[in-house]
Amino acid sequence: MARKQGSHAETTGPRIREAALRLFAQHGYAAVSMRQIAREVGVQAGALYLYTPDKQTLLYDLMRDHLDHLLGHWHVPDGPPEAQLEAFCRHHIRYHLDRPELVFIAYMELRNLEPENFAVIERLRRRYEDRLQAILTNGLESGDFALADGKLATMAIIAMLTGVNTWYREGGRLSRADVEAIYWDMVRKAVAA
Protein backbone atom coordinates (compact mmCIF):
# COMPACT_ATOMS: atom_id res chain seq x y z
CA MET A 1 0.00 0.00 0.00
CA ALA A 2 1.42 3.38 -0.95
CA ARG A 3 1.91 5.95 1.76
CA LYS A 4 -0.07 9.16 1.42
CA GLN A 5 1.98 12.01 0.01
CA GLY A 6 3.44 14.02 2.88
CA SER A 7 3.22 11.05 5.27
CA HIS A 8 6.45 10.08 6.98
CA ALA A 9 6.88 6.98 9.12
CA GLU A 10 8.81 8.81 11.87
CA THR A 11 6.07 11.42 12.30
CA THR A 12 2.88 9.62 11.28
CA GLY A 13 3.14 6.87 13.92
CA PRO A 14 3.44 9.33 16.82
CA ARG A 15 0.67 11.49 15.32
CA ILE A 16 -1.62 8.46 15.21
CA ARG A 17 -0.94 7.78 18.89
CA GLU A 18 -1.49 11.44 19.81
CA ALA A 19 -4.77 11.56 17.89
CA ALA A 20 -5.96 8.29 19.44
CA LEU A 21 -5.05 9.57 22.91
CA ARG A 22 -6.91 12.83 22.39
CA LEU A 23 -9.99 11.19 20.87
CA PHE A 24 -10.17 8.36 23.44
CA ALA A 25 -9.95 10.93 26.26
CA GLN A 26 -12.59 13.21 24.70
CA HIS A 27 -15.13 10.67 23.49
CA GLY A 28 -14.23 7.36 25.11
CA TYR A 29 -12.59 4.38 23.48
CA ALA A 30 -15.82 2.69 22.40
CA ALA A 31 -17.09 5.80 20.60
CA VAL A 32 -13.95 6.36 18.52
CA SER A 33 -13.44 4.66 15.18
CA MET A 34 -10.25 4.05 13.25
CA ARG A 35 -11.72 6.33 10.55
CA GLN A 36 -11.96 9.17 13.07
CA ILE A 37 -8.36 8.66 14.09
CA ALA A 38 -7.26 8.62 10.44
CA ARG A 39 -9.25 11.78 9.71
CA GLU A 40 -7.65 13.52 12.71
CA VAL A 41 -4.17 12.58 11.45
CA GLY A 42 -4.93 13.38 7.83
CA VAL A 43 -4.38 9.91 6.39
CA GLN A 44 -6.70 7.33 4.90
CA ALA A 45 -8.08 4.74 7.31
CA GLY A 46 -6.15 1.94 5.62
CA ALA A 47 -2.89 3.77 6.29
CA LEU A 48 -3.37 3.35 10.05
CA TYR A 49 -2.81 -0.36 9.69
CA LEU A 50 0.76 0.29 8.60
CA TYR A 51 1.35 1.55 12.17
CA THR A 52 -0.99 -0.54 14.33
CA PRO A 53 -2.94 -3.75 13.82
CA ASP A 54 -6.13 -2.40 15.41
CA LYS A 55 -7.76 0.05 17.84
CA GLN A 56 -7.32 -2.33 20.80
CA THR A 57 -3.56 -2.32 20.25
CA LEU A 58 -3.55 1.48 20.20
CA LEU A 59 -5.32 1.59 23.56
CA TYR A 60 -3.09 -1.09 25.06
CA ASP A 61 0.10 0.56 23.77
CA LEU A 62 -0.93 3.94 25.22
CA MET A 63 -1.58 2.41 28.63
CA ARG A 64 1.49 0.16 28.65
CA ASP A 65 3.83 2.94 27.53
CA HIS A 66 2.38 5.27 30.15
CA LEU A 67 2.98 2.75 32.94
CA ASP A 68 6.41 1.74 31.65
CA HIS A 69 7.42 5.41 31.62
CA LEU A 70 5.96 6.00 35.08
CA LEU A 71 7.78 2.98 36.49
CA GLY A 72 11.05 4.01 34.85
CA HIS A 73 10.70 7.63 35.90
CA TRP A 74 10.54 7.16 39.68
CA HIS A 75 12.43 4.99 42.11
CA VAL A 76 12.24 4.98 45.88
CA PRO A 77 14.91 7.39 47.14
CA ASP A 78 17.18 6.62 50.07
CA GLY A 79 16.06 7.99 53.39
CA PRO A 80 13.51 7.48 56.12
CA PRO A 81 9.99 6.27 55.21
CA GLU A 82 8.42 9.70 55.68
CA ALA A 83 10.84 11.29 53.20
CA GLN A 84 10.22 8.45 50.75
CA LEU A 85 6.46 8.85 51.09
CA GLU A 86 6.71 12.59 50.53
CA ALA A 87 8.82 12.01 47.42
CA PHE A 88 6.25 9.51 46.11
CA CYS A 89 3.33 11.88 46.72
CA ARG A 90 4.96 14.88 45.11
CA HIS A 91 6.20 12.87 42.15
CA HIS A 92 2.81 11.24 41.58
CA ILE A 93 1.06 14.61 41.49
CA ARG A 94 3.65 16.24 39.23
CA TYR A 95 3.84 13.32 36.83
CA HIS A 96 0.10 12.93 36.48
CA LEU A 97 -0.77 16.62 36.22
CA ASP A 98 1.43 16.76 33.12
CA ARG A 99 -0.50 13.86 31.51
CA PRO A 100 -4.24 14.32 32.16
CA GLU A 101 -5.41 12.50 29.02
CA LEU A 102 -3.21 9.48 29.73
CA VAL A 103 -4.36 9.38 33.34
CA PHE A 104 -8.00 9.49 32.26
CA ILE A 105 -7.49 6.65 29.80
CA ALA A 106 -5.37 4.60 32.21
CA TYR A 107 -8.18 4.59 34.78
CA MET A 108 -11.40 4.90 32.78
CA GLU A 109 -10.68 2.64 29.82
CA LEU A 110 -9.39 -0.44 31.65
CA ARG A 111 -12.80 -2.05 31.05
CA ASN A 112 -12.19 -1.93 27.30
CA LEU A 113 -8.99 -3.95 27.36
CA GLU A 114 -9.09 -7.52 26.15
CA PRO A 115 -8.27 -9.99 28.96
CA GLU A 116 -4.65 -10.64 27.98
CA ASN A 117 -3.97 -6.91 27.62
CA PHE A 118 -5.74 -6.19 30.90
CA ALA A 119 -3.52 -8.74 32.67
CA VAL A 120 -0.34 -6.99 31.48
CA ILE A 121 -1.62 -3.54 32.50
CA GLU A 122 -2.78 -4.86 35.86
CA ARG A 123 0.70 -6.31 36.54
CA LEU A 124 2.33 -2.97 35.68
CA ARG A 125 -0.09 -1.07 37.90
CA ARG A 126 0.59 -3.51 40.73
CA ARG A 127 4.35 -2.93 40.39
CA TYR A 128 3.76 0.80 40.88
CA GLU A 129 1.40 0.22 43.80
CA ASP A 130 3.94 -2.17 45.36
CA ARG A 131 6.50 0.63 45.53
CA LEU A 132 4.16 2.73 47.65
CA GLN A 133 3.08 -0.24 49.73
CA ALA A 134 6.72 -1.07 50.49
CA ILE A 135 7.26 2.49 51.77
CA LEU A 136 4.17 2.21 53.97
CA THR A 137 5.20 -1.22 55.26
CA ASN A 138 8.68 0.04 56.12
CA GLY A 139 7.17 3.02 57.92
CA LEU A 140 4.82 0.77 59.85
CA GLU A 141 7.69 -1.53 60.87
CA SER A 142 9.88 1.40 61.94
CA GLY A 143 7.04 2.94 63.95
CA ASP A 144 6.88 6.04 61.77
CA PHE A 145 3.42 5.18 60.40
CA ALA A 146 0.24 3.77 61.90
CA LEU A 147 -1.91 1.86 59.41
CA ALA A 148 -4.81 -0.52 59.84
CA ASP A 149 -4.21 -2.06 56.40
CA GLY A 150 -1.22 -1.31 54.16
CA LYS A 151 -2.88 -2.39 50.91
CA LEU A 152 -5.98 -0.30 51.59
CA ALA A 153 -3.81 2.69 52.53
CA THR A 154 -1.86 2.23 49.29
CA MET A 155 -5.00 2.24 47.16
CA ALA A 156 -6.52 5.17 49.06
CA ILE A 157 -3.41 7.32 48.72
CA ILE A 158 -3.06 6.63 45.00
CA ALA A 159 -6.76 7.35 44.43
CA MET A 160 -6.52 10.60 46.38
CA LEU A 161 -3.38 11.76 44.57
CA THR A 162 -4.69 10.81 41.14
CA GLY A 163 -7.94 12.62 41.88
CA VAL A 164 -6.10 15.93 41.50
CA ASN A 165 -6.46 15.48 37.74
CA THR A 166 -10.26 15.73 37.96
CA TRP A 167 -10.33 19.26 39.34
CA TYR A 168 -6.94 20.98 39.00
CA ARG A 169 -6.69 23.71 36.38
CA GLU A 170 -3.49 25.57 35.53
CA GLY A 171 -3.77 29.23 36.59
CA GLY A 172 -6.48 28.46 39.15
CA ARG A 173 -6.61 29.43 42.80
CA LEU A 174 -3.84 27.03 43.82
CA SER A 175 -0.44 26.58 42.23
CA ARG A 176 1.01 23.13 41.60
CA ALA A 177 3.37 23.67 44.53
CA ASP A 178 0.40 24.56 46.78
CA VAL A 179 -1.44 21.41 45.70
CA GLU A 180 1.62 19.23 46.33
CA ALA A 181 2.14 20.72 49.80
CA ILE A 182 -1.51 20.39 50.83
CA TYR A 183 -1.84 16.85 49.54
CA TRP A 184 1.41 15.83 51.17
CA ASP A 185 0.17 17.26 54.48
CA MET A 186 -3.06 15.24 54.18
CA VAL A 187 -1.20 12.02 53.38
CA ARG A 188 1.31 12.61 56.18
CA LYS A 189 -1.49 13.09 58.70
CA ALA A 190 -3.36 10.03 57.41
CA VAL A 191 -0.43 7.69 58.11
CA ALA A 192 1.10 9.42 61.15
CA ALA A 193 1.88 7.22 64.14
C-alpha atoms as a PDB file:
ATOM      1  CA  MET A   1       0.000   0.000   0.000  1.00  0.00           C
ATOM      2  CA  ALA A   2       1.423   3.377  -0.948  1.00  0.00           C
ATOM      3  CA  ARG A   3       1.910   5.949   1.755  1.00  0.00           C
ATOM      4  CA  LYS A   4      -0.075   9.164   1.418  1.00  0.00           C
ATOM      5  CA  GLN A   5       1.985  12.014   0.009  1.00  0.00           C
ATOM      6  CA  GLY A   6       3.435  14.016   2.883  1.00  0.00           C
ATOM      7  CA  SER A   7       3.223  11.054   5.268  1.00  0.00           C
ATOM      8  CA  HIS A   8       6.451  10.083   6.981  1.00  0.00           C
ATOM      9  CA  ALA A   9       6.875   6.978   9.123  1.00  0.00           C
ATOM     10  CA  GLU A  10       8.810   8.805  11.870  1.00  0.00           C
ATOM     11  CA  THR A  11       6.071  11.419  12.297  1.00  0.00           C
ATOM     12  CA  THR A  12       2.880   9.623  11.277  1.00  0.00           C
ATOM     13  CA  GLY A  13       3.137   6.867  13.923  1.00  0.00           C
ATOM     14  CA  PRO A  14       3.438   9.335  16.820  1.00  0.00           C
ATOM     15  CA  ARG A  15       0.672  11.486  15.317  1.00  0.00           C
ATOM     16  CA  ILE A  16      -1.624   8.458  15.214  1.00  0.00           C
ATOM     17  CA  ARG A  17      -0.941   7.779  18.886  1.00  0.00           C
ATOM     18  CA  GLU A  18      -1.486  11.445  19.814  1.00  0.00           C
ATOM     19  CA  ALA A  19      -4.768  11.556  17.891  1.00  0.00           C
ATOM     20  CA  ALA A  20      -5.960   8.290  19.442  1.00  0.00           C
ATOM     21  CA  LEU A  21      -5.054   9.566  22.911  1.00  0.00           C
ATOM     22  CA  ARG A  22      -6.912  12.829  22.394  1.00  0.00           C
ATOM     23  CA  LEU A  23      -9.994  11.187  20.872  1.00  0.00           C
ATOM     24  CA  PHE A  24     -10.169   8.359  23.445  1.00  0.00           C
ATOM     25  CA  ALA A  25      -9.952  10.932  26.255  1.00  0.00           C
ATOM     26  CA  GLN A  26     -12.586  13.214  24.697  1.00  0.00           C
ATOM     27  CA  HIS A  27     -15.125  10.668  23.489  1.00  0.00           C
ATOM     28  CA  GLY A  28     -14.228   7.356  25.106  1.00  0.00           C
ATOM     29  CA  TYR A  29     -12.585   4.377  23.481  1.00  0.00           C
ATOM     30  CA  ALA A  30     -15.820   2.690  22.396  1.00  0.00           C
ATOM     31  CA  ALA A  31     -17.088   5.800  20.603  1.00  0.00           C
ATOM     32  CA  VAL A  32     -13.950   6.362  18.519  1.00  0.00           C
ATOM     33  CA  SER A  33     -13.439   4.659  15.177  1.00  0.00           C
ATOM     34  CA  MET A  34     -10.254   4.054  13.251  1.00  0.00           C
ATOM     35  CA  ARG A  35     -11.720   6.325  10.552  1.00  0.00           C
ATOM     36  CA  GLN A  36     -11.963   9.173  13.068  1.00  0.00           C
ATOM     37  CA  ILE A  37      -8.355   8.665  14.095  1.00  0.00           C
ATOM     38  CA  ALA A  38      -7.259   8.615  10.440  1.00  0.00           C
ATOM     39  CA  ARG A  39      -9.247  11.779   9.707  1.00  0.00           C
ATOM     40  CA  GLU A  40      -7.646  13.521  12.708  1.00  0.00           C
ATOM     41  CA  VAL A  41      -4.168  12.581  11.454  1.00  0.00           C
ATOM     42  CA  GLY A  42      -4.931  13.380   7.830  1.00  0.00           C
ATOM     43  CA  VAL A  43      -4.378   9.907   6.385  1.00  0.00           C
ATOM     44  CA  GLN A  44      -6.697   7.330   4.901  1.00  0.00           C
ATOM     45  CA  ALA A  45      -8.084   4.744   7.311  1.00  0.00           C
ATOM     46  CA  GLY A  46      -6.145   1.943   5.618  1.00  0.00           C
ATOM     47  CA  ALA A  47      -2.891   3.766   6.286  1.00  0.00           C
ATOM     48  CA  LEU A  48      -3.373   3.349  10.045  1.00  0.00           C
ATOM     49  CA  TYR A  49      -2.806  -0.364   9.690  1.00  0.00           C
ATOM     50  CA  LEU A  50       0.763   0.293   8.601  1.00  0.00           C
ATOM     51  CA  TYR A  51       1.353   1.546  12.171  1.00  0.00           C
ATOM     52  CA  THR A  52      -0.991  -0.538  14.325  1.00  0.00           C
ATOM     53  CA  PRO A  53      -2.943  -3.746  13.817  1.00  0.00           C
ATOM     54  CA  ASP A  54      -6.134  -2.402  15.412  1.00  0.00           C
ATOM     55  CA  LYS A  55      -7.757   0.049  17.838  1.00  0.00           C
ATOM     56  CA  GLN A  56      -7.318  -2.335  20.795  1.00  0.00           C
ATOM     57  CA  THR A  57      -3.564  -2.322  20.247  1.00  0.00           C
ATOM     58  CA  LEU A  58      -3.553   1.480  20.197  1.00  0.00           C
ATOM     59  CA  LEU A  59      -5.322   1.585  23.564  1.00  0.00           C
ATOM     60  CA  TYR A  60      -3.094  -1.092  25.055  1.00  0.00           C
ATOM     61  CA  ASP A  61       0.099   0.558  23.772  1.00  0.00           C
ATOM     62  CA  LEU A  62      -0.926   3.937  25.216  1.00  0.00           C
ATOM     63  CA  MET A  63      -1.584   2.407  28.627  1.00  0.00           C
ATOM     64  CA  ARG A  64       1.486   0.165  28.647  1.00  0.00           C
ATOM     65  CA  ASP A  65       3.831   2.935  27.527  1.00  0.00           C
ATOM     66  CA  HIS A  66       2.380   5.271  30.151  1.00  0.00           C
ATOM     67  CA  LEU A  67       2.975   2.748  32.935  1.00  0.00           C
ATOM     68  CA  ASP A  68       6.411   1.744  31.645  1.00  0.00           C
ATOM     69  CA  HIS A  69       7.424   5.406  31.617  1.00  0.00           C
ATOM     70  CA  LEU A  70       5.962   6.001  35.080  1.00  0.00           C
ATOM     71  CA  LEU A  71       7.779   2.976  36.487  1.00  0.00           C
ATOM     72  CA  GLY A  72      11.046   4.009  34.852  1.00  0.00           C
ATOM     73  CA  HIS A  73      10.700   7.629  35.902  1.00  0.00           C
ATOM     74  CA  TRP A  74      10.545   7.159  39.677  1.00  0.00           C
ATOM     75  CA  HIS A  75      12.431   4.990  42.105  1.00  0.00           C
ATOM     76  CA  VAL A  76      12.238   4.982  45.879  1.00  0.00           C
ATOM     77  CA  PRO A  77      14.908   7.392  47.140  1.00  0.00           C
ATOM     78  CA  ASP A  78      17.179   6.624  50.071  1.00  0.00           C
ATOM     79  CA  GLY A  79      16.062   7.989  53.391  1.00  0.00           C
ATOM     80  CA  PRO A  80      13.506   7.478  56.118  1.00  0.00           C
ATOM     81  CA  PRO A  81       9.991   6.270  55.209  1.00  0.00           C
ATOM     82  CA  GLU A  82       8.419   9.699  55.684  1.00  0.00           C
ATOM     83  CA  ALA A  83      10.843  11.292  53.195  1.00  0.00           C
ATOM     84  CA  GLN A  84      10.217   8.447  50.754  1.00  0.00           C
ATOM     85  CA  LEU A  85       6.456   8.855  51.087  1.00  0.00           C
ATOM     86  CA  GLU A  86       6.707  12.593  50.530  1.00  0.00           C
ATOM     87  CA  ALA A  87       8.819  12.013  47.419  1.00  0.00           C
ATOM     88  CA  PHE A  88       6.245   9.508  46.113  1.00  0.00           C
ATOM     89  CA  CYS A  89       3.325  11.881  46.718  1.00  0.00           C
ATOM     90  CA  ARG A  90       4.964  14.878  45.114  1.00  0.00           C
ATOM     91  CA  HIS A  91       6.201  12.874  42.151  1.00  0.00           C
ATOM     92  CA  HIS A  92       2.806  11.239  41.580  1.00  0.00           C
ATOM     93  CA  ILE A  93       1.059  14.606  41.486  1.00  0.00           C
ATOM     94  CA  ARG A  94       3.655  16.244  39.227  1.00  0.00           C
ATOM     95  CA  TYR A  95       3.836  13.322  36.831  1.00  0.00           C
ATOM     96  CA  HIS A  96       0.095  12.927  36.482  1.00  0.00           C
ATOM     97  CA  LEU A  97      -0.773  16.625  36.219  1.00  0.00           C
ATOM     98  CA  ASP A  98       1.426  16.758  33.122  1.00  0.00           C
ATOM     99  CA  ARG A  99      -0.501  13.864  31.512  1.00  0.00           C
ATOM    100  CA  PRO A 100      -4.236  14.316  32.161  1.00  0.00           C
ATOM    101  CA  GLU A 101      -5.405  12.503  29.025  1.00  0.00           C
ATOM    102  CA  LEU A 102      -3.206   9.478  29.729  1.00  0.00           C
ATOM    103  CA  VAL A 103      -4.359   9.379  33.339  1.00  0.00           C
ATOM    104  CA  PHE A 104      -7.995   9.488  32.261  1.00  0.00           C
ATOM    105  CA  ILE A 105      -7.487   6.645  29.802  1.00  0.00           C
ATOM    106  CA  ALA A 106      -5.371   4.600  32.210  1.00  0.00           C
ATOM    107  CA  TYR A 107      -8.180   4.589  34.776  1.00  0.00           C
ATOM    108  CA  MET A 108     -11.397   4.898  32.781  1.00  0.00           C
ATOM    109  CA  GLU A 109     -10.676   2.642  29.824  1.00  0.00           C
ATOM    110  CA  LEU A 110      -9.394  -0.443  31.647  1.00  0.00           C
ATOM    111  CA  ARG A 111     -12.797  -2.051  31.053  1.00  0.00           C
ATOM    112  CA  ASN A 112     -12.190  -1.928  27.300  1.00  0.00           C
ATOM    113  CA  LEU A 113      -8.987  -3.947  27.358  1.00  0.00           C
ATOM    114  CA  GLU A 114      -9.090  -7.519  26.153  1.00  0.00           C
ATOM    115  CA  PRO A 115      -8.273  -9.990  28.962  1.00  0.00           C
ATOM    116  CA  GLU A 116      -4.651 -10.636  27.977  1.00  0.00           C
ATOM    117  CA  ASN A 117      -3.969  -6.906  27.624  1.00  0.00           C
ATOM    118  CA  PHE A 118      -5.739  -6.188  30.905  1.00  0.00           C
ATOM    119  CA  ALA A 119      -3.521  -8.740  32.666  1.00  0.00           C
ATOM    120  CA  VAL A 120      -0.344  -6.989  31.481  1.00  0.00           C
ATOM    121  CA  ILE A 121      -1.622  -3.539  32.499  1.00  0.00           C
ATOM    122  CA  GLU A 122      -2.781  -4.859  35.857  1.00  0.00           C
ATOM    123  CA  ARG A 123       0.703  -6.308  36.535  1.00  0.00           C
ATOM    124  CA  LEU A 124       2.334  -2.969  35.681  1.00  0.00           C
ATOM    125  CA  ARG A 125      -0.090  -1.068  37.902  1.00  0.00           C
ATOM    126  CA  ARG A 126       0.585  -3.511  40.725  1.00  0.00           C
ATOM    127  CA  ARG A 127       4.347  -2.932  40.391  1.00  0.00           C
ATOM    128  CA  TYR A 128       3.762   0.795  40.877  1.00  0.00           C
ATOM    129  CA  GLU A 129       1.405   0.217  43.803  1.00  0.00           C
ATOM    130  CA  ASP A 130       3.942  -2.174  45.356  1.00  0.00           C
ATOM    131  CA  ARG A 131       6.498   0.627  45.532  1.00  0.00           C
ATOM    132  CA  LEU A 132       4.158   2.729  47.645  1.00  0.00           C
ATOM    133  CA  GLN A 133       3.082  -0.237  49.730  1.00  0.00           C
ATOM    134  CA  ALA A 134       6.717  -1.067  50.493  1.00  0.00           C
ATOM    135  CA  ILE A 135       7.260   2.489  51.774  1.00  0.00           C
ATOM    136  CA  LEU A 136       4.170   2.209  53.969  1.00  0.00           C
ATOM    137  CA  THR A 137       5.199  -1.225  55.256  1.00  0.00           C
ATOM    138  CA  ASN A 138       8.683   0.044  56.121  1.00  0.00           C
ATOM    139  CA  GLY A 139       7.169   3.018  57.920  1.00  0.00           C
ATOM    140  CA  LEU A 140       4.817   0.769  59.846  1.00  0.00           C
ATOM    141  CA  GLU A 141       7.690  -1.533  60.866  1.00  0.00           C
ATOM    142  CA  SER A 142       9.877   1.405  61.941  1.00  0.00           C
ATOM    143  CA  GLY A 143       7.044   2.941  63.955  1.00  0.00           C
ATOM    144  CA  ASP A 144       6.885   6.042  61.768  1.00  0.00           C
ATOM    145  CA  PHE A 145       3.424   5.177  60.405  1.00  0.00           C
ATOM    146  CA  ALA A 146       0.240   3.768  61.895  1.00  0.00           C
ATOM    147  CA  LEU A 147      -1.912   1.860  59.411  1.00  0.00           C
ATOM    148  CA  ALA A 148      -4.813  -0.522  59.840  1.00  0.00           C
ATOM    149  CA  ASP A 149      -4.212  -2.056  56.404  1.00  0.00           C
ATOM    150  CA  GLY A 150      -1.221  -1.312  54.161  1.00  0.00           C
ATOM    151  CA  LYS A 151      -2.880  -2.388  50.913  1.00  0.00           C
ATOM    152  CA  LEU A 152      -5.979  -0.296  51.593  1.00  0.00           C
ATOM    153  CA  ALA A 153      -3.811   2.692  52.532  1.00  0.00           C
ATOM    154  CA  THR A 154      -1.860   2.233  49.287  1.00  0.00           C
ATOM    155  CA  MET A 155      -4.996   2.240  47.163  1.00  0.00           C
ATOM    156  CA  ALA A 156      -6.520   5.169  49.063  1.00  0.00           C
ATOM    157  CA  ILE A 157      -3.406   7.319  48.718  1.00  0.00           C
ATOM    158  CA  ILE A 158      -3.062   6.625  45.001  1.00  0.00           C
ATOM    159  CA  ALA A 159      -6.759   7.348  44.429  1.00  0.00           C
ATOM    160  CA  MET A 160      -6.517  10.603  46.380  1.00  0.00           C
ATOM    161  CA  LEU A 161      -3.378  11.760  44.574  1.00  0.00           C
ATOM    162  CA  THR A 162      -4.685  10.808  41.136  1.00  0.00           C
ATOM    163  CA  GLY A 163      -7.943  12.624  41.879  1.00  0.00           C
ATOM    164  CA  VAL A 164      -6.103  15.926  41.497  1.00  0.00           C
ATOM    165  CA  ASN A 165      -6.463  15.481  37.740  1.00  0.00           C
ATOM    166  CA  THR A 166     -10.256  15.733  37.963  1.00  0.00           C
ATOM    167  CA  TRP A 167     -10.327  19.257  39.343  1.00  0.00           C
ATOM    168  CA  TYR A 168      -6.943  20.980  39.004  1.00  0.00           C
ATOM    169  CA  ARG A 169      -6.690  23.714  36.376  1.00  0.00           C
ATOM    170  CA  GLU A 170      -3.491  25.566  35.534  1.00  0.00           C
ATOM    171  CA  GLY A 171      -3.774  29.225  36.587  1.00  0.00           C
ATOM    172  CA  GLY A 172      -6.481  28.455  39.151  1.00  0.00           C
ATOM    173  CA  ARG A 173      -6.611  29.431  42.800  1.00  0.00           C
ATOM    174  CA  LEU A 174      -3.837  27.026  43.825  1.00  0.00           C
ATOM    175  CA  SER A 175      -0.437  26.578  42.226  1.00  0.00           C
ATOM    176  CA  ARG A 176       1.006  23.131  41.604  1.00  0.00           C
ATOM    177  CA  ALA A 177       3.369  23.669  44.535  1.00  0.00           C
ATOM    178  CA  ASP A 178       0.404  24.559  46.783  1.00  0.00           C
ATOM    179  CA  VAL A 179      -1.439  21.409  45.701  1.00  0.00           C
ATOM    180  CA  GLU A 180       1.617  19.233  46.327  1.00  0.00           C
ATOM    181  CA  ALA A 181       2.139  20.716  49.795  1.00  0.00           C
ATOM    182  CA  ILE A 182      -1.513  20.393  50.826  1.00  0.00           C
ATOM    183  CA  TYR A 183      -1.840  16.851  49.539  1.00  0.00           C
ATOM    184  CA  TRP A 184       1.414  15.827  51.171  1.00  0.00           C
ATOM    185  CA  ASP A 185       0.170  17.262  54.477  1.00  0.00           C
ATOM    186  CA  MET A 186      -3.062  15.242  54.177  1.00  0.00           C
ATOM    187  CA  VAL A 187      -1.205  12.020  53.384  1.00  0.00           C
ATOM    188  CA  ARG A 188       1.312  12.608  56.175  1.00  0.00           C
ATOM    189  CA  LYS A 189      -1.493  13.088  58.696  1.00  0.00           C
ATOM    190  CA  ALA A 190      -3.358  10.030  57.413  1.00  0.00           C
ATOM    191  CA  VAL A 191      -0.431   7.693  58.106  1.00  0.00           C
ATOM    192  CA  ALA A 192       1.101   9.423  61.149  1.00  0.00           C
ATOM    193  CA  ALA A 193       1.876   7.216  64.137  1.00  0.00           C
END
